[in-house]
Amino acid sequence: MSFKIKEVSAIRIFSNDIKKSRDFYAALFAQEPIEDLESFVSFKIGGSCFDITMPDSKNPHSQGGSVGYWLVDNIDAVLKKVEGLGGKLYRGPLNVPETQRTIMQIQDPTGSVIGFEALL
């Protein structure tokens, strides 16, 4: 039996403060969520969903681990906006010659980490 991977359908982060995370990402992405509940928020970014939910025993709130990266046209502009919204640089920016990209990770005001990358 075989299968074919089509695309990333969703990236999910875990936050102890759903409203604070929602407000940060709504401002960062300049869009409102497509689903906005007390313990779950979802944004549609391109063809993927970006979800924020409460941590639990199987998915604790943490930094590191798996990190999703959003491809952007201007990584410096992203960092400036992140910092203006109360987030901070977590890692990078790093040039990755093998993929011809610059990558960075940011930490939002609740401590969650996501990544961004841009073509060199």
Protein backbone atom coordinates (compact mmCIF):
# COMPACT_ATOMS: atom_id res chain seq x y z
CA MET A 1 0.00 0.00 0.00
CA SER A 2 1.41 3.44 -0.89
CA PHE A 3 0.40 7.03 -0.44
CA LYS A 4 1.24 10.44 -1.84
CA ILE A 5 1.84 13.51 0.30
CA LYS A 6 -0.03 16.45 -1.22
CA GLU A 7 0.67 19.47 1.00
CA VAL A 8 0.79 20.71 4.57
CA SER A 9 -2.85 21.24 5.49
CA ALA A 10 -2.34 22.76 8.94
CA ILE A 11 0.29 23.94 11.39
CA ARG A 12 -0.80 23.98 15.02
CA ILE A 13 0.78 25.75 17.97
CA PHE A 14 -0.16 25.49 21.61
CA SER A 15 -0.72 28.57 23.76
CA ASN A 16 -1.62 29.21 27.38
CA ASP A 17 -3.30 32.47 26.31
CA ILE A 18 -5.45 31.92 23.22
CA LYS A 19 -6.73 35.51 23.06
CA LYS A 20 -3.26 37.04 23.30
CA SER A 21 -1.97 34.66 20.62
CA ARG A 22 -4.99 35.33 18.40
CA ASP A 23 -4.52 39.08 18.62
CA PHE A 24 -0.78 38.83 17.90
CA TYR A 25 -1.21 36.62 14.82
CA ALA A 26 -4.23 38.55 13.53
CA ALA A 27 -2.08 41.69 13.56
CA LEU A 28 1.01 39.90 12.18
CA PHE A 29 -0.87 38.23 9.32
CA ALA A 30 -3.17 41.26 8.82
CA GLN A 31 -6.26 39.07 8.77
CA GLU A 32 -8.99 37.79 11.02
CA PRO A 33 -9.33 34.14 11.99
CA ILE A 34 -11.71 31.85 10.11
CA GLU A 35 -12.61 30.16 13.40
CA ASP A 36 -12.47 31.94 16.74
CA LEU A 37 -13.45 29.93 19.82
CA GLU A 38 -12.45 30.22 23.46
CA SER A 39 -9.94 27.36 23.23
CA PHE A 40 -9.21 27.18 19.49
CA VAL A 41 -8.43 29.73 16.78
CA SER A 42 -7.69 29.08 13.11
CA PHE A 43 -6.34 31.30 10.33
CA LYS A 44 -6.33 30.40 6.63
CA ILE A 45 -2.90 31.30 5.21
CA GLY A 46 -2.62 30.44 1.54
CA GLY A 47 -3.69 26.82 1.22
CA SER A 48 -2.96 25.93 4.84
CA CYS A 49 -4.52 26.53 8.23
CA PHE A 50 -2.59 27.99 11.15
CA ASP A 51 -4.24 26.82 14.36
CA ILE A 52 -3.81 27.93 17.96
CA THR A 53 -5.11 25.69 20.71
CA MET A 54 -4.67 25.02 24.41
CA PRO A 55 -1.86 22.68 25.49
CA ASP A 56 -2.65 19.35 27.09
CA SER A 57 -0.77 16.34 28.47
CA LYS A 58 0.18 15.09 24.99
CA ASN A 59 0.94 18.50 23.48
CA PRO A 60 2.51 20.81 26.07
CA HIS A 61 3.31 24.46 25.50
CA SER A 62 7.03 24.68 24.68
CA GLN A 63 9.70 26.21 22.51
CA GLY A 64 11.58 24.13 19.99
CA GLY A 65 10.46 20.78 18.68
CA SER A 66 8.79 20.87 15.28
CA VAL A 67 8.63 24.34 13.74
CA GLY A 68 6.60 25.30 10.68
CA TYR A 69 8.09 27.90 8.34
CA TRP A 70 6.12 30.41 6.27
CA LEU A 71 7.68 31.52 2.99
CA VAL A 72 7.69 35.34 2.79
CA ASP A 73 9.05 37.93 0.39
CA ASN A 74 10.82 40.11 3.00
CA ILE A 75 12.14 38.48 6.15
CA ASP A 76 13.44 41.78 7.57
CA ALA A 77 9.97 43.34 7.32
CA VAL A 78 8.49 40.32 9.14
CA LEU A 79 10.99 40.67 11.98
CA LYS A 80 10.30 44.40 12.30
CA LYS A 81 6.55 43.76 12.52
CA VAL A 82 7.02 40.88 14.99
CA GLU A 83 9.09 43.07 17.28
CA GLY A 84 6.61 45.95 16.97
CA LEU A 85 3.85 43.61 18.14
CA GLY A 86 5.76 42.39 21.20
CA GLY A 87 7.33 39.25 19.75
CA LYS A 88 11.06 38.66 19.47
CA LEU A 89 13.69 36.98 17.38
CA TYR A 90 14.30 33.44 18.64
CA ARG A 91 16.84 32.15 16.10
CA GLY A 92 18.55 33.52 13.01
CA PRO A 93 18.31 34.98 10.53
CA LEU A 94 20.50 32.25 9.03
CA ASN A 95 21.46 31.84 5.38
CA VAL A 96 21.02 28.28 4.14
CA PRO A 97 22.94 28.00 0.85
CA GLU A 98 21.70 24.45 0.20
CA THR A 99 18.12 25.70 -0.19
CA GLN A 100 18.96 29.26 -1.29
CA ARG A 101 16.93 30.64 1.61
CA THR A 102 17.28 32.75 4.72
CA ILE A 103 15.45 31.36 7.74
CA MET A 104 14.53 32.67 11.17
CA GLN A 105 12.38 31.67 14.09
CA ILE A 106 10.36 34.13 16.11
CA GLN A 107 8.83 33.82 19.55
CA ASP A 108 5.40 35.30 20.04
CA PRO A 109 4.43 37.10 23.27
CA THR A 110 3.13 33.83 24.79
CA GLY A 111 6.38 31.95 24.11
CA SER A 112 5.34 29.90 21.06
CA VAL A 113 7.83 29.63 18.19
CA ILE A 114 7.16 29.70 14.44
CA GLY A 115 9.49 30.16 11.49
CA PHE A 116 9.79 32.29 8.39
CA GLU A 117 11.97 31.88 5.34
CA ALA A 118 12.74 33.95 2.27
CA LEU A 119 14.65 33.31 -0.92
CA LEU A 120 18.24 34.59 -0.82
